[in-house]
C-alpha atoms as a PDB file:
ATOM      1  CA  MET A   1     111.728 137.755  70.030  1.00  0.00           C
ATOM      2  CA  ALA A   2     109.220 135.136  69.299  1.00  0.00           C
ATOM      3  CA  LYS A   3     105.658 136.010  68.754  1.00  0.00           C
ATOM      4  CA  GLU A   4     104.438 133.265  70.979  1.00  0.00           C
ATOM      5  CA  SER A   5     106.298 134.545  74.020  1.00  0.00           C
ATOM      6  CA  LEU A   6     104.547 138.084  73.825  1.00  0.00           C
ATOM      7  CA  GLY A   7     101.056 136.841  73.695  1.00  0.00           C
ATOM      8  CA  ARG A   8     101.367 133.705  75.840  1.00  0.00           C
ATOM      9  CA  ASP A   9      97.940 132.607  77.054  1.00  0.00           C
ATOM     10  CA  LEU A  10      96.641 135.901  75.804  1.00  0.00           C
ATOM     11  CA  GLY A  11      93.727 133.990  73.988  1.00  0.00           C
ATOM     12  CA  ALA A  12      92.594 132.378  77.448  1.00  0.00           C
ATOM     13  CA  LEU A  13      92.370 136.091  78.959  1.00  0.00           C
ATOM     14  CA  MET A  14      90.376 137.477  75.957  1.00  0.00           C
ATOM     15  CA  GLY A  15      87.673 134.624  76.186  1.00  0.00           C
ATOM     16  CA  GLY A  16      89.158 132.269  73.713  1.00  0.00           C
ATOM     17  CA  LYS A  17      89.749 128.570  74.376  1.00  0.00           C
ATOM     18  CA  PRO A  18      92.637 127.973  76.727  1.00  0.00           C
ATOM     19  CA  LYS A  19      95.580 125.816  75.641  1.00  0.00           C
ATOM     20  CA  GLU A  20      95.878 122.647  77.337  1.00  0.00           C
ATOM     21  CA  GLU A  21      99.162 122.107  78.657  1.00  0.00           C
ATOM     22  CA  THR A  22      99.991 118.877  80.739  1.00  0.00           C
ATOM     23  CA  ALA A  23     103.409 118.739  82.328  1.00  0.00           C
ATOM     24  CA  PRO A  24     104.670 115.638  83.943  1.00  0.00           C
ATOM     25  CA  VAL A  25     104.472 115.541  87.695  1.00  0.00           C
ATOM     26  CA  SER A  26     107.461 113.690  89.366  1.00  0.00           C
ATOM     27  CA  ALA A  27     107.314 111.816  92.567  1.00  0.00           C
ATOM     28  CA  GLY A  28     109.211 114.574  94.376  1.00  0.00           C
ATOM     29  CA  ILE A  29     106.597 117.283  93.426  1.00  0.00           C
ATOM     30  CA  ARG A  30     103.632 114.893  94.719  1.00  0.00           C
ATOM     31  CA  SER A  31     105.425 114.194  97.842  1.00  0.00           C
ATOM     32  CA  LEU A  32     105.759 117.994  98.505  1.00  0.00           C
ATOM     33  CA  MET A  33     102.193 118.608  97.632  1.00  0.00           C
ATOM     34  CA  ARG A  34     100.866 115.660  99.765  1.00  0.00           C
ATOM     35  CA  GLY A  35     103.248 116.513 102.681  1.00  0.00           C
ATOM     36  CA  HIS A  36     105.507 113.929 104.150  1.00  0.00           C
ATOM     37  CA  THR A  37     104.926 112.165 107.414  1.00  0.00           C
ATOM     38  CA  THR A  38     106.844 109.311 108.897  1.00  0.00           C
ATOM     39  CA  PRO A  39     104.391 106.607 109.838  1.00  0.00           C
ATOM     40  CA  ALA A  40     106.002 106.050 113.299  1.00  0.00           C
ATOM     41  CA  LEU A  41     105.851 109.786 114.135  1.00  0.00           C
ATOM     42  CA  ALA A  42     102.346 110.257 112.884  1.00  0.00           C
ATOM     43  CA  ALA A  43     101.066 107.108 114.834  1.00  0.00           C
ATOM     44  CA  ALA A  44     102.304 108.128 118.306  1.00  0.00           C
ATOM     45  CA  PRO A  45     102.227 112.052 119.286  1.00  0.00           C
ATOM     46  CA  LYS A  46     104.463 112.958 121.884  1.00  0.00           C
ATOM     47  CA  PRO A  47     102.594 113.704 124.946  1.00  0.00           C
ATOM     48  CA  VAL A  48     102.485 117.123 126.361  1.00  0.00           C
ATOM     49  CA  ILE A  49     103.142 116.231 129.978  1.00  0.00           C
ATOM     50  CA  PRO A  50     105.542 113.338 130.821  1.00  0.00           C
ATOM     51  CA  ARG A  51     104.223 110.552 132.932  1.00  0.00           C
ATOM     52  CA  TRP A  52     106.937 110.922 135.488  1.00  0.00           C
ATOM     53  CA  TYR A  53     105.969 114.443 136.198  1.00  0.00           C
ATOM     54  CA  LEU A  54     102.670 113.158 137.267  1.00  0.00           C
ATOM     55  CA  PHE A  55     104.015 110.463 139.421  1.00  0.00           C
ATOM     56  CA  ALA A  56     106.472 112.946 140.872  1.00  0.00           C
ATOM     57  CA  GLY A  57     103.484 115.242 141.772  1.00  0.00           C
ATOM     58  CA  ASP A  58     101.800 112.360 143.358  1.00  0.00           C
ATOM     59  CA  VAL A  59     104.791 111.699 145.786  1.00  0.00           C
ATOM     60  CA  LEU A  60     104.854 115.331 146.526  1.00  0.00           C
ATOM     61  CA  LEU A  61     101.329 115.667 147.306  1.00  0.00           C
ATOM     62  CA  VAL A  62     101.349 112.581 149.561  1.00  0.00           C
ATOM     63  CA  ALA A  63     104.633 113.927 151.419  1.00  0.00           C
ATOM     64  CA  LEU A  64     102.808 117.345 151.831  1.00  0.00           C
ATOM     65  CA  ALA A  65      99.780 115.511 153.558  1.00  0.00           C
ATOM     66  CA  LEU A  66     101.928 113.399 155.811  1.00  0.00           C
ATOM     67  CA  LEU A  67     104.065 116.494 156.725  1.00  0.00           C
ATOM     68  CA  THR A  68     100.687 118.233 157.715  1.00  0.00           C
ATOM     69  CA  ILE A  69      99.405 115.404 159.688  1.00  0.00           C
ATOM     70  CA  TYR A  70     102.715 115.115 161.883  1.00  0.00           C
ATOM     71  CA  LYS A  71     103.430 118.818 162.347  1.00  0.00           C
ATOM     72  CA  SER A  72      99.838 119.872 163.176  1.00  0.00           C
ATOM     73  CA  PRO A  73      98.642 119.885 166.769  1.00  0.00           C
ATOM     74  CA  HIS A  74      96.749 116.613 167.605  1.00  0.00           C
ATOM     75  CA  PRO A  75      93.745 115.865 167.435  1.00  0.00           C
ATOM     76  CA  LEU A  76      93.614 117.254 163.880  1.00  0.00           C
ATOM     77  CA  SER A  77      90.754 119.812 163.236  1.00  0.00           C
ATOM     78  CA  TRP A  78      88.118 118.859 160.548  1.00  0.00           C
ATOM     79  CA  PRO A  79      89.550 121.480 158.246  1.00  0.00           C
ATOM     80  CA  ARG A  80      92.898 119.985 158.202  1.00  0.00           C
ATOM     81  CA  GLU A  81      91.574 116.395 157.816  1.00  0.00           C
ATOM     82  CA  LEU A  82      89.735 117.645 154.888  1.00  0.00           C
ATOM     83  CA  TYR A  83      92.902 119.251 153.501  1.00  0.00           C
ATOM     84  CA  CYS A  84      94.928 116.137 153.741  1.00  0.00           C
ATOM     85  CA  ALA A  85      92.142 113.932 152.257  1.00  0.00           C
ATOM     86  CA  ALA A  86      91.861 116.298 149.283  1.00  0.00           C
ATOM     87  CA  LEU A  87      95.771 116.106 148.966  1.00  0.00           C
ATOM     88  CA  VAL A  88      95.566 112.381 148.754  1.00  0.00           C
ATOM     89  CA  ALA A  89      92.564 112.390 146.299  1.00  0.00           C
ATOM     90  CA  LEU A  90      94.411 114.666 143.923  1.00  0.00           C
ATOM     91  CA  ALA A  91      97.442 112.566 144.052  1.00  0.00           C
ATOM     92  CA  GLY A  92      95.348 109.628 143.267  1.00  0.00           C
ATOM     93  CA  LEU A  93      93.673 111.537 140.444  1.00  0.00           C
ATOM     94  CA  LEU A  94      97.107 112.407 138.878  1.00  0.00           C
ATOM     95  CA  ALA A  95      98.149 108.623 139.199  1.00  0.00           C
ATOM     96  CA  VAL A  96      95.113 107.552 137.301  1.00  0.00           C
ATOM     97  CA  ILE A  97      95.623 110.261 134.500  1.00  0.00           C
ATOM     98  CA  ALA A  98      99.394 109.037 134.230  1.00  0.00           C
ATOM     99  CA  LEU A  99      98.165 105.348 133.768  1.00  0.00           C
ATOM    100  CA  LEU A 100      95.583 106.355 131.204  1.00  0.00           C
ATOM    101  CA  MET A 101      97.830 108.499 129.041  1.00  0.00           C
ATOM    102  CA  PRO A 102      99.083 106.979 125.855  1.00  0.00           C
ATOM    103  CA  GLU A 103     102.467 105.750 125.841  1.00  0.00           C
ATOM    104  CA  SER A 104     104.953 107.440 123.447  1.00  0.00           C
ATOM    105  CA  LYS A 105     106.738 105.316 121.028  1.00  0.00           C
ATOM    106  CA  VAL A 106     108.886 107.835 119.759  1.00  0.00           C
ATOM    107  CA  GLY A 107     112.654 107.238 119.903  1.00  0.00           C
ATOM    108  CA  ARG A 108     112.169 103.449 121.199  1.00  0.00           C
ATOM    109  CA  SER A 109     113.377 100.625 119.385  1.00  0.00           C
ATOM    110  CA  PRO A 110     110.830  98.111 117.907  1.00  0.00           C
ATOM    111  CA  ARG A 111     110.514  94.983 119.885  1.00  0.00           C
END
């Protein structure tokens, strides 16, 4: 066995000057070390909640408010009026959130 393989870098461990070794780094290794992301995926993250869920919630909340109004005895009591107004306000808030959400561009063809 060669003498170099037995005491490889032993001088650096004992306090001597370490041997300078430079190995060429290929493009593949640099890509692995850097991490590879596609520009289209990195620019537009997928939203956690799709927009249509929020719009469906709008429709259901307004339908619940209308159902409460038509099925309740008239004149409506103030707690029921407040309940229906809160339902419609919550539906409006969901619509605003859905409109302000960033649009996901993942999976769409460029125009």
